[in-house]
mmCIF file of all heavy atoms, coordinates in Angstrom:
data_MODEL
# 
_entry.id   MODEL 
# 
loop_
_atom_site.group_PDB 
_atom_site.id 
_atom_site.type_symbol 
_atom_site.label_atom_id 
_atom_site.label_alt_id 
_atom_site.label_comp_id 
_atom_site.label_asym_id 
_atom_site.label_entity_id 
_atom_site.label_seq_id 
_atom_site.pdbx_PDB_ins_code 
_atom_site.Cartn_x 
_atom_site.Cartn_y 
_atom_site.Cartn_z 
_atom_site.occupancy 
_atom_site.B_iso_or_equiv 
_atom_site.pdbx_formal_charge 
_atom_site.auth_seq_id 
_atom_site.auth_comp_id 
_atom_site.auth_asym_id 
_atom_site.auth_atom_id 
_atom_site.pdbx_PDB_model_num 
ATOM 1   N N   . GLU A 1 1  ? 18.297  60.141 51.918 1.00 0.00 ? 1  GLU A N   1 
ATOM 2   C CA  . GLU A 1 1  ? 18.296  58.794 52.471 1.00 0.00 ? 1  GLU A CA  1 
ATOM 3   C C   . GLU A 1 1  ? 17.809  58.821 53.913 1.00 0.00 ? 1  GLU A C   1 
ATOM 4   O O   . GLU A 1 1  ? 18.236  59.667 54.700 1.00 0.00 ? 1  GLU A O   1 
ATOM 5   C CB  . GLU A 1 1  ? 19.703  58.195 52.445 1.00 0.00 ? 1  GLU A CB  1 
ATOM 6   C CG  . GLU A 1 1  ? 20.311  58.061 51.072 1.00 0.00 ? 1  GLU A CG  1 
ATOM 7   C CD  . GLU A 1 1  ? 21.655  57.341 51.125 1.00 0.00 ? 1  GLU A CD  1 
ATOM 8   O OE1 . GLU A 1 1  ? 21.783  56.406 51.938 1.00 0.00 ? 1  GLU A OE1 1 
ATOM 9   O OE2 . GLU A 1 1  ? 22.562  57.728 50.369 1.00 0.00 ? 1  GLU A OE2 1 
ATOM 10  N N   . THR A 1 2  ? 16.929  57.902 54.255 1.00 0.00 ? 2  THR A N   1 
ATOM 11  C CA  . THR A 1 2  ? 16.508  57.738 55.637 1.00 0.00 ? 2  THR A CA  1 
ATOM 12  C C   . THR A 1 2  ? 17.641  57.090 56.430 1.00 0.00 ? 2  THR A C   1 
ATOM 13  O O   . THR A 1 2  ? 18.205  56.083 56.017 1.00 0.00 ? 2  THR A O   1 
ATOM 14  C CB  . THR A 1 2  ? 15.254  56.853 55.714 1.00 0.00 ? 2  THR A CB  1 
ATOM 15  O OG1 . THR A 1 2  ? 14.178  57.513 55.035 1.00 0.00 ? 2  THR A OG1 1 
ATOM 16  C CG2 . THR A 1 2  ? 14.848  56.598 57.160 1.00 0.00 ? 2  THR A CG2 1 
ATOM 17  N N   . SER A 1 3  ? 17.955  57.681 57.575 1.00 0.00 ? 3  SER A N   1 
ATOM 18  C CA  . SER A 1 3  ? 19.043  57.166 58.396 1.00 0.00 ? 3  SER A CA  1 
ATOM 19  C C   . SER A 1 3  ? 18.658  57.218 59.885 1.00 0.00 ? 3  SER A C   1 
ATOM 20  O O   . SER A 1 3  ? 18.141  58.231 60.350 1.00 0.00 ? 3  SER A O   1 
ATOM 21  C CB  . SER A 1 3  ? 20.306  57.988 58.163 1.00 0.00 ? 3  SER A CB  1 
ATOM 22  O OG  . SER A 1 3  ? 21.362  57.549 58.993 1.00 0.00 ? 3  SER A OG  1 
ATOM 23  N N   . PRO A 1 4  ? 18.869  56.121 60.634 1.00 0.00 ? 4  PRO A N   1 
ATOM 24  C CA  . PRO A 1 4  ? 19.403  54.850 60.124 1.00 0.00 ? 4  PRO A CA  1 
ATOM 25  C C   . PRO A 1 4  ? 18.331  54.058 59.389 1.00 0.00 ? 4  PRO A C   1 
ATOM 26  O O   . PRO A 1 4  ? 17.145  54.197 59.699 1.00 0.00 ? 4  PRO A O   1 
ATOM 27  C CB  . PRO A 1 4  ? 19.813  54.128 61.413 1.00 0.00 ? 4  PRO A CB  1 
ATOM 28  C CG  . PRO A 1 4  ? 18.862  54.655 62.450 1.00 0.00 ? 4  PRO A CG  1 
ATOM 29  C CD  . PRO A 1 4  ? 18.633  56.092 62.101 1.00 0.00 ? 4  PRO A CD  1 
ATOM 30  N N   . GLN A 1 5  ? 18.748  53.263 58.433 1.00 0.00 ? 5  GLN A N   1 
ATOM 31  C CA  . GLN A 1 5  ? 17.800  52.396 57.738 1.00 0.00 ? 5  GLN A CA  1 
ATOM 32  C C   . GLN A 1 5  ? 17.670  51.090 58.519 1.00 0.00 ? 5  GLN A C   1 
ATOM 33  O O   . GLN A 1 5  ? 18.679  50.469 58.848 1.00 0.00 ? 5  GLN A O   1 
ATOM 34  C CB  . GLN A 1 5  ? 18.261  52.129 56.309 1.00 0.00 ? 5  GLN A CB  1 
ATOM 35  C CG  . GLN A 1 5  ? 18.212  53.369 55.433 1.00 0.00 ? 5  GLN A CG  1 
ATOM 36  C CD  . GLN A 1 5  ? 18.346  53.070 53.960 1.00 0.00 ? 5  GLN A CD  1 
ATOM 37  O OE1 . GLN A 1 5  ? 18.575  51.936 53.559 1.00 0.00 ? 5  GLN A OE1 1 
ATOM 38  N NE2 . GLN A 1 5  ? 18.194  54.090 53.135 1.00 0.00 ? 5  GLN A NE2 1 
ATOM 39  N N   . PRO A 1 6  ? 16.440  50.677 58.807 1.00 0.00 ? 6  PRO A N   1 
ATOM 40  C CA  . PRO A 1 6  ? 16.255  49.431 59.558 1.00 0.00 ? 6  PRO A CA  1 
ATOM 41  C C   . PRO A 1 6  ? 16.828  48.236 58.800 1.00 0.00 ? 6  PRO A C   1 
ATOM 42  O O   . PRO A 1 6  ? 16.865  48.223 57.562 1.00 0.00 ? 6  PRO A O   1 
ATOM 43  C CB  . PRO A 1 6  ? 14.731  49.312 59.680 1.00 0.00 ? 6  PRO A CB  1 
ATOM 44  C CG  . PRO A 1 6  ? 14.222  50.699 59.469 1.00 0.00 ? 6  PRO A CG  1 
ATOM 45  C CD  . PRO A 1 6  ? 15.169  51.331 58.494 1.00 0.00 ? 6  PRO A CD  1 
ATOM 46  N N   . SER A 1 7  ? 17.271  47.235 59.541 1.00 0.00 ? 7  SER A N   1 
ATOM 47  C CA  . SER A 1 7  ? 17.759  46.001 58.918 1.00 0.00 ? 7  SER A CA  1 
ATOM 48  C C   . SER A 1 7  ? 16.613  45.291 58.220 1.00 0.00 ? 7  SER A C   1 
ATOM 49  O O   . SER A 1 7  ? 15.431  45.552 58.487 1.00 0.00 ? 7  SER A O   1 
ATOM 50  C CB  . SER A 1 7  ? 18.348  45.075 59.983 1.00 0.00 ? 7  SER A CB  1 
ATOM 51  O OG  . SER A 1 7  ? 17.326  44.643 60.874 1.00 0.00 ? 7  SER A OG  1 
ATOM 52  N N   . SER A 1 8  ? 16.943  44.391 57.318 1.00 0.00 ? 8  SER A N   1 
ATOM 53  C CA  . SER A 1 8  ? 15.917  43.648 56.569 1.00 0.00 ? 8  SER A CA  1 
ATOM 54  C C   . SER A 1 8  ? 15.035  42.834 57.506 1.00 0.00 ? 8  SER A C   1 
ATOM 55  O O   . SER A 1 8  ? 13.857  42.590 57.203 1.00 0.00 ? 8  SER A O   1 
ATOM 56  C CB  . SER A 1 8  ? 16.579  42.739 55.532 1.00 0.00 ? 8  SER A CB  1 
ATOM 57  O OG  . SER A 1 8  ? 17.492  41.856 56.158 1.00 0.00 ? 8  SER A OG  1 
ATOM 58  N N   . ASP A 1 9  ? 15.581  42.418 58.648 1.00 0.00 ? 9  ASP A N   1 
ATOM 59  C CA  . ASP A 1 9  ? 14.797  41.659 59.622 1.00 0.00 ? 9  ASP A CA  1 
ATOM 60  C C   . ASP A 1 9  ? 13.807  42.551 60.374 1.00 0.00 ? 9  ASP A C   1 
ATOM 61  O O   . ASP A 1 9  ? 12.689  42.131 60.680 1.00 0.00 ? 9  ASP A O   1 
ATOM 62  C CB  . ASP A 1 9  ? 15.725  40.967 60.633 1.00 0.00 ? 9  ASP A CB  1 
ATOM 63  C CG  . ASP A 1 9  ? 16.549  39.853 60.009 1.00 0.00 ? 9  ASP A CG  1 
ATOM 64  O OD1 . ASP A 1 9  ? 16.122  39.322 58.961 1.00 0.00 ? 9  ASP A OD1 1 
ATOM 65  O OD2 . ASP A 1 9  ? 17.614  39.522 60.550 1.00 0.00 ? 9  ASP A OD2 1 
ATOM 66  N N   . LYS A 1 10 ? 14.237  43.771 60.660 1.00 0.00 ? 10 LYS A N   1 
ATOM 67  C CA  . LYS A 1 10 ? 13.412  44.675 61.468 1.00 0.00 ? 10 LYS A CA  1 
ATOM 68  C C   . LYS A 1 10 ? 12.414  45.491 60.638 1.00 0.00 ? 10 LYS A C   1 
ATOM 69  O O   . LYS A 1 10 ? 11.358  45.883 61.128 1.00 0.00 ? 10 LYS A O   1 
ATOM 70  C CB  . LYS A 1 10 ? 14.322  45.625 62.252 1.00 0.00 ? 10 LYS A CB  1 
ATOM 71  C CG  . LYS A 1 10 ? 13.584  46.484 63.280 1.00 0.00 ? 10 LYS A CG  1 
ATOM 72  C CD  . LYS A 1 10 ? 14.558  47.266 64.142 1.00 0.00 ? 10 LYS A CD  1 
ATOM 73  C CE  . LYS A 1 10 ? 13.834  48.223 65.089 1.00 0.00 ? 10 LYS A CE  1 
ATOM 74  N NZ  . LYS A 1 10 ? 12.887  47.541 65.975 1.00 0.00 ? 10 LYS A NZ  1 
ATOM 75  N N   . LEU A 1 11 ? 12.733  45.734 59.369 1.00 0.00 ? 11 LEU A N   1 
ATOM 76  C CA  . LEU A 1 11 ? 11.910  46.616 58.540 1.00 0.00 ? 11 LEU A CA  1 
ATOM 77  C C   . LEU A 1 11 ? 10.434  46.204 58.494 1.00 0.00 ? 11 LEU A C   1 
ATOM 78  O O   . LEU A 1 11 ? 9.560   47.080 58.579 1.00 0.00 ? 11 LEU A O   1 
ATOM 79  C CB  . LEU A 1 11 ? 12.486  46.685 57.118 1.00 0.00 ? 11 LEU A CB  1 
ATOM 80  C CG  . LEU A 1 11 ? 11.868  47.724 56.180 1.00 0.00 ? 11 LEU A CG  1 
ATOM 81  C CD1 . LEU A 1 11 ? 11.976  49.136 56.768 1.00 0.00 ? 11 LEU A CD1 1 
ATOM 82  C CD2 . LEU A 1 11 ? 12.539  47.671 54.805 1.00 0.00 ? 11 LEU A CD2 1 
ATOM 83  N N   . PRO A 1 12 ? 10.101  44.899 58.364 1.00 0.00 ? 12 PRO A N   1 
ATOM 84  C CA  . PRO A 1 12 ? 8.678   44.525 58.310 1.00 0.00 ? 12 PRO A CA  1 
ATOM 85  C C   . PRO A 1 12 ? 7.875   44.976 59.523 1.00 0.00 ? 12 PRO A C   1 
ATOM 86  O O   . PRO A 1 12 ? 6.657   45.195 59.410 1.00 0.00 ? 12 PRO A O   1 
ATOM 87  C CB  . PRO A 1 12 ? 8.725   42.988 58.215 1.00 0.00 ? 12 PRO A CB  1 
ATOM 88  C CG  . PRO A 1 12 ? 10.035  42.689 57.582 1.00 0.00 ? 12 PRO A CG  1 
ATOM 89  C CD  . PRO A 1 12 ? 10.973  43.724 58.135 1.00 0.00 ? 12 PRO A CD  1 
ATOM 90  N N   . GLU A 1 13 ? 8.524   45.148 60.670 1.00 0.00 ? 13 GLU A N   1 
ATOM 91  C CA  . GLU A 1 13 ? 7.813   45.581 61.875 1.00 0.00 ? 13 GLU A CA  1 
ATOM 92  C C   . GLU A 1 13 ? 7.199   46.966 61.692 1.00 0.00 ? 13 GLU A C   1 
ATOM 93  O O   . GLU A 1 13 ? 6.162   47.278 62.304 1.00 0.00 ? 13 GLU A O   1 
ATOM 94  C CB  . GLU A 1 13 ? 8.775   45.605 63.073 1.00 0.00 ? 13 GLU A CB  1 
ATOM 95  C CG  . GLU A 1 13 ? 9.337   44.246 63.456 1.00 0.00 ? 13 GLU A CG  1 
ATOM 96  C CD  . GLU A 1 13 ? 10.347  44.337 64.595 1.00 0.00 ? 13 GLU A CD  1 
ATOM 97  O OE1 . GLU A 1 13 ? 10.423  45.415 65.238 1.00 0.00 ? 13 GLU A OE1 1 
ATOM 98  O OE2 . GLU A 1 13 ? 11.066  43.349 64.822 1.00 0.00 ? 13 GLU A OE2 1 
ATOM 99  N N   . TYR A 1 14 ? 7.819   47.800 60.856 1.00 0.00 ? 14 TYR A N   1 
ATOM 100 C CA  . TYR A 1 14 ? 7.320   49.152 60.646 1.00 0.00 ? 14 TYR A CA  1 
ATOM 101 C C   . TYR A 1 14 ? 6.107   49.199 59.711 1.00 0.00 ? 14 TYR A C   1 
ATOM 102 O O   . TYR A 1 14 ? 5.517   50.264 59.512 1.00 0.00 ? 14 TYR A O   1 
ATOM 103 C CB  . TYR A 1 14 ? 8.437   50.045 60.098 1.00 0.00 ? 14 TYR A CB  1 
ATOM 104 C CG  . TYR A 1 14 ? 9.550   50.295 61.099 1.00 0.00 ? 14 TYR A CG  1 
ATOM 105 C CD1 . TYR A 1 14 ? 10.721  49.549 61.077 1.00 0.00 ? 14 TYR A CD1 1 
ATOM 106 C CD2 . TYR A 1 14 ? 9.412   51.277 62.079 1.00 0.00 ? 14 TYR A CD2 1 
ATOM 107 C CE1 . TYR A 1 14 ? 11.736  49.771 61.993 1.00 0.00 ? 14 TYR A CE1 1 
ATOM 108 C CE2 . TYR A 1 14 ? 10.428  51.508 63.005 1.00 0.00 ? 14 TYR A CE2 1 
ATOM 109 C CZ  . TYR A 1 14 ? 11.578  50.753 62.955 1.00 0.00 ? 14 TYR A CZ  1 
ATOM 110 O OH  . TYR A 1 14 ? 12.590  50.970 63.869 1.00 0.00 ? 14 TYR A OH  1 
ATOM 111 N N   . TYR A 1 15 ? 5.759   48.053 59.144 1.00 0.00 ? 15 TYR A N   1 
ATOM 112 C CA  . TYR A 1 15 ? 4.563   47.966 58.308 1.00 0.00 ? 15 TYR A CA  1 
ATOM 113 C C   . TYR A 1 15 ? 3.395   47.337 59.068 1.00 0.00 ? 15 TYR A C   1 
ATOM 114 O O   . TYR A 1 15 ? 2.299   47.229 58.534 1.00 0.00 ? 15 TYR A O   1 
ATOM 115 C CB  . TYR A 1 15 ? 4.845   47.121 57.060 1.00 0.00 ? 15 TYR A CB  1 
ATOM 116 C CG  . TYR A 1 15 ? 5.749   47.793 56.046 1.00 0.00 ? 15 TYR A CG  1 
ATOM 117 C CD1 . TYR A 1 15 ? 7.131   47.694 56.147 1.00 0.00 ? 15 TYR A CD1 1 
ATOM 118 C CD2 . TYR A 1 15 ? 5.220   48.515 54.985 1.00 0.00 ? 15 TYR A CD2 1 
ATOM 119 C CE1 . TYR A 1 15 ? 7.972   48.296 55.220 1.00 0.00 ? 15 TYR A CE1 1 
ATOM 120 C CE2 . TYR A 1 15 ? 6.045   49.125 54.045 1.00 0.00 ? 15 TYR A CE2 1 
ATOM 121 C CZ  . TYR A 1 15 ? 7.416   49.012 54.176 1.00 0.00 ? 15 TYR A CZ  1 
ATOM 122 O OH  . TYR A 1 15 ? 8.244   49.614 53.254 1.00 0.00 ? 15 TYR A OH  1 
ATOM 123 N N   . GLU A 1 16 ? 3.631   46.911 60.304 1.00 0.00 ? 16 GLU A N   1 
ATOM 124 C CA  . GLU A 1 16 ? 2.615   46.204 61.077 1.00 0.00 ? 16 GLU A CA  1 
ATOM 125 C C   . GLU A 1 16 ? 1.698   47.194 61.773 1.00 0.00 ? 16 GLU A C   1 
ATOM 126 O O   . GLU A 1 16 ? 1.823   47.482 62.957 1.00 0.00 ? 16 GLU A O   1 
ATOM 127 C CB  . GLU A 1 16 ? 3.274   45.265 62.090 1.00 0.00 ? 16 GLU A CB  1 
ATOM 128 C CG  . GLU A 1 16 ? 4.020   44.109 61.429 1.00 0.00 ? 16 GLU A CG  1 
ATOM 129 C CD  . GLU A 1 16 ? 4.774   43.251 62.425 1.00 0.00 ? 16 GLU A CD  1 
ATOM 130 O OE1 . GLU A 1 16 ? 4.722   43.565 63.645 1.00 0.00 ? 16 GLU A OE1 1 
ATOM 131 O OE2 . GLU A 1 16 ? 5.409   42.275 61.993 1.00 0.00 ? 16 GLU A OE2 1 
ATOM 132 N N   . SER A 1 17 ? 0.767   47.719 61.003 1.00 0.00 ? 17 SER A N   1 
ATOM 133 C CA  . SER A 1 17 ? -0.184  48.690 61.529 1.00 0.00 ? 17 SER A CA  1 
ATOM 134 C C   . SER A 1 17 ? -1.454  48.637 60.705 1.00 0.00 ? 17 SER A C   1 
ATOM 135 O O   . SER A 1 17 ? -1.405  48.512 59.479 1.00 0.00 ? 17 SER A O   1 
ATOM 136 C CB  . SER A 1 17 ? 0.402   50.107 61.480 1.00 0.00 ? 17 SER A CB  1 
ATOM 137 O OG  . SER A 1 17 ? -0.596  51.071 61.726 1.00 0.00 ? 17 SER A OG  1 
ATOM 138 N N   . GLU A 1 18 ? -2.595  48.747 61.374 1.00 0.00 ? 18 GLU A N   1 
ATOM 139 C CA  . GLU A 1 18 ? -3.861  48.827 60.649 1.00 0.00 ? 18 GLU A CA  1 
ATOM 140 C C   . GLU A 1 18 ? -3.947  50.103 59.833 1.00 0.00 ? 18 GLU A C   1 
ATOM 141 O O   . GLU A 1 18 ? -4.755  50.225 58.924 1.00 0.00 ? 18 GLU A O   1 
ATOM 142 C CB  . GLU A 1 18 ? -5.034  48.775 61.638 1.00 0.00 ? 18 GLU A CB  1 
ATOM 143 C CG  . GLU A 1 18 ? -5.195  47.419 62.317 1.00 0.00 ? 18 GLU A CG  1 
ATOM 144 C CD  . GLU A 1 18 ? -6.389  47.396 63.248 1.00 0.00 ? 18 GLU A CD  1 
ATOM 145 O OE1 . GLU A 1 18 ? -7.063  48.450 63.352 1.00 0.00 ? 18 GLU A OE1 1 
ATOM 146 O OE2 . GLU A 1 18 ? -6.646  46.337 63.845 1.00 0.00 ? 18 GLU A OE2 1 
ATOM 147 N N   . ASP A 1 19 ? -3.078  51.074 60.152 1.00 0.00 ? 19 ASP A N   1 
ATOM 148 C CA  . ASP A 1 19 ? -3.090  52.344 59.437 1.00 0.00 ? 19 ASP A CA  1 
ATOM 149 C C   . ASP A 1 19 ? -2.269  52.302 58.158 1.00 0.00 ? 19 ASP A C   1 
ATOM 150 O O   . ASP A 1 19 ? -2.247  53.291 57.421 1.00 0.00 ? 19 ASP A O   1 
ATOM 151 C CB  . ASP A 1 19 ? -2.554  53.463 60.344 1.00 0.00 ? 19 ASP A CB  1 
ATOM 152 C CG  . ASP A 1 19 ? -3.482  53.744 61.508 1.00 0.00 ? 19 ASP A CG  1 
ATOM 153 O OD1 . ASP A 1 19 ? -4.695  53.560 61.342 1.00 0.00 ? 19 ASP A OD1 1 
ATOM 154 O OD2 . ASP A 1 19 ? -2.978  54.140 62.580 1.00 0.00 ? 19 ASP A OD2 1 
ATOM 155 N N   . TYR A 1 20 ? -1.576  51.159 57.903 1.00 0.00 ? 20 TYR A N   1 
ATOM 156 C CA  . TYR A 1 20 ? -0.814  51.105 56.659 1.00 0.00 ? 20 TYR A CA  1 
ATOM 157 C C   . TYR A 1 20 ? -1.772  50.750 55.537 1.00 0.00 ? 20 TYR A C   1 
ATOM 158 O O   . TYR A 1 20 ? -2.092  49.603 55.267 1.00 0.00 ? 20 TYR A O   1 
ATOM 159 C CB  . TYR A 1 20 ? 0.361   50.128 56.733 1.00 0.00 ? 20 TYR A CB  1 
ATOM 160 C CG  . TYR A 1 20 ? 1.332   50.403 55.607 1.00 0.00 ? 20 TYR A CG  1 
ATOM 161 C CD1 . TYR A 1 20 ? 2.056   51.601 55.602 1.00 0.00 ? 20 TYR A CD1 1 
ATOM 162 C CD2 . TYR A 1 20 ? 1.455   49.558 54.530 1.00 0.00 ? 20 TYR A CD2 1 
ATOM 163 C CE1 . TYR A 1 20 ? 2.894   51.923 54.550 1.00 0.00 ? 20 TYR A CE1 1 
ATOM 164 C CE2 . TYR A 1 20 ? 2.291   49.874 53.473 1.00 0.00 ? 20 TYR A CE2 1 
ATOM 165 C CZ  . TYR A 1 20 ? 3.003   51.047 53.501 1.00 0.00 ? 20 TYR A CZ  1 
ATOM 166 O OH  . TYR A 1 20 ? 3.819   51.368 52.450 1.00 0.00 ? 20 TYR A OH  1 
ATOM 167 N N   . ILE A 1 21 ? -2.237  51.787 54.864 1.00 0.00 ? 21 ILE A N   1 
ATOM 168 C CA  . ILE A 1 21 ? -3.458  51.716 54.064 1.00 0.00 ? 21 ILE A CA  1 
ATOM 169 C C   . ILE A 1 21 ? -3.349  50.875 52.801 1.00 0.00 ? 21 ILE A C   1 
ATOM 170 O O   . ILE A 1 21 ? -4.319  50.273 52.370 1.00 0.00 ? 21 ILE A O   1 
ATOM 171 C CB  . ILE A 1 21 ? -3.937  53.157 53.733 1.00 0.00 ? 21 ILE A CB  1 
ATOM 172 C CG1 . ILE A 1 21 ? -5.379  53.147 53.236 1.00 0.00 ? 21 ILE A CG1 1 
ATOM 173 C CG2 . ILE A 1 21 ? -3.014  53.828 52.724 1.00 0.00 ? 21 ILE A CG2 1 
ATOM 174 C CD1 . ILE A 1 21 ? -6.002  54.516 53.230 1.00 0.00 ? 21 ILE A CD1 1 
ATOM 175 N N   . SER A 1 22 ? -2.173  50.787 52.189 1.00 0.00 ? 22 SER A N   1 
ATOM 176 C CA  . SER A 1 22 ? -2.072  50.051 50.932 1.00 0.00 ? 22 SER A CA  1 
ATOM 177 C C   . SER A 1 22 ? -2.174  48.544 51.147 1.00 0.00 ? 22 SER A C   1 
ATOM 178 O O   . SER A 1 22 ? -2.273  47.793 50.187 1.00 0.00 ? 22 SER A O   1 
ATOM 179 C CB  . SER A 1 22 ? -0.757  50.384 50.215 1.00 0.00 ? 22 SER A CB  1 
ATOM 180 O OG  . SER A 1 22 ? 0.343   49.873 50.921 1.00 0.00 ? 22 SER A OG  1 
ATOM 181 N N   . HIS A 1 23 ? -2.160  48.102 52.403 1.00 0.00 ? 23 HIS A N   1 
ATOM 182 C CA  . HIS A 1 23 ? -2.273  46.675 52.700 1.00 0.00 ? 23 HIS A CA  1 
ATOM 183 C C   . HIS A 1 23 ? -3.680  46.272 53.135 1.00 0.00 ? 23 HIS A C   1 
ATOM 184 O O   . HIS A 1 23 ? -3.919  45.135 53.506 1.00 0.00 ? 23 HIS A O   1 
ATOM 185 C CB  . HIS A 1 23 ? -1.268  46.274 53.795 1.00 0.00 ? 23 HIS A CB  1 
ATOM 186 C CG  . HIS A 1 23 ? 0.148   46.320 53.328 1.00 0.00 ? 23 HIS A CG  1 
ATOM 187 N ND1 . HIS A 1 23 ? 1.213   46.241 54.199 1.00 0.00 ? 23 HIS A ND1 1 
ATOM 188 C CD2 . HIS A 1 23 ? 0.683   46.435 52.088 1.00 0.00 ? 23 HIS A CD2 1 
ATOM 189 C CE1 . HIS A 1 23 ? 2.349   46.303 53.513 1.00 0.00 ? 23 HIS A CE1 1 
ATOM 190 N NE2 . HIS A 1 23 ? 2.044   46.433 52.233 1.00 0.00 ? 23 HIS A NE2 1 
ATOM 191 N N   . THR A 1 24 ? -4.628  47.223 53.094 1.00 0.00 ? 24 THR A N   1 
ATOM 192 C CA  . THR A 1 24 ? -5.991  46.913 53.509 1.00 0.00 ? 24 THR A CA  1 
ATOM 193 C C   . THR A 1 24 ? -6.985  47.526 52.533 1.00 0.00 ? 24 THR A C   1 
ATOM 194 O O   . THR A 1 24 ? -6.635  48.352 51.690 1.00 0.00 ? 24 THR A O   1 
ATOM 195 C CB  . THR A 1 24 ? -6.295  47.467 54.919 1.00 0.00 ? 24 THR A CB  1 
ATOM 196 O OG1 . THR A 1 24 ? -6.457  48.884 54.826 1.00 0.00 ? 24 THR A OG1 1 
ATOM 197 C CG2 . THR A 1 24 ? -5.190  47.139 55.907 1.00 0.00 ? 24 THR A CG2 1 
ATOM 198 N N   . ASN A 1 25 ? -8.245  47.132 52.687 1.00 0.00 ? 25 ASN A N   1 
ATOM 199 C CA  . ASN A 1 25 ? -9.324  47.747 51.918 1.00 0.00 ? 25 ASN A CA  1 
ATOM 200 C C   . ASN A 1 25 ? -10.251 48.550 52.829 1.00 0.00 ? 25 ASN A C   1 
ATOM 201 O O   . ASN A 1 25 ? -11.395 48.822 52.479 1.00 0.00 ? 25 ASN A O   1 
ATOM 202 C CB  . ASN A 1 25 ? -10.138 46.668 51.192 1.00 0.00 ? 25 ASN A CB  1 
ATOM 203 C CG  . ASN A 1 25 ? -9.409  46.127 49.972 1.00 0.00 ? 25 ASN A CG  1 
ATOM 204 O OD1 . ASN A 1 25 ? -8.699  46.873 49.293 1.00 0.00 ? 25 ASN A OD1 1 
ATOM 205 N ND2 . ASN A 1 25 ? -9.553  44.844 49.688 1.00 0.00 ? 25 ASN A ND2 1 
# 
């Protein structure tokens, strides 16, 4: 388990990157 796990409000911030490849082409 990843610890600490970000809250549901904060977790989306960790996906905010041009390098997150599954969200781009």
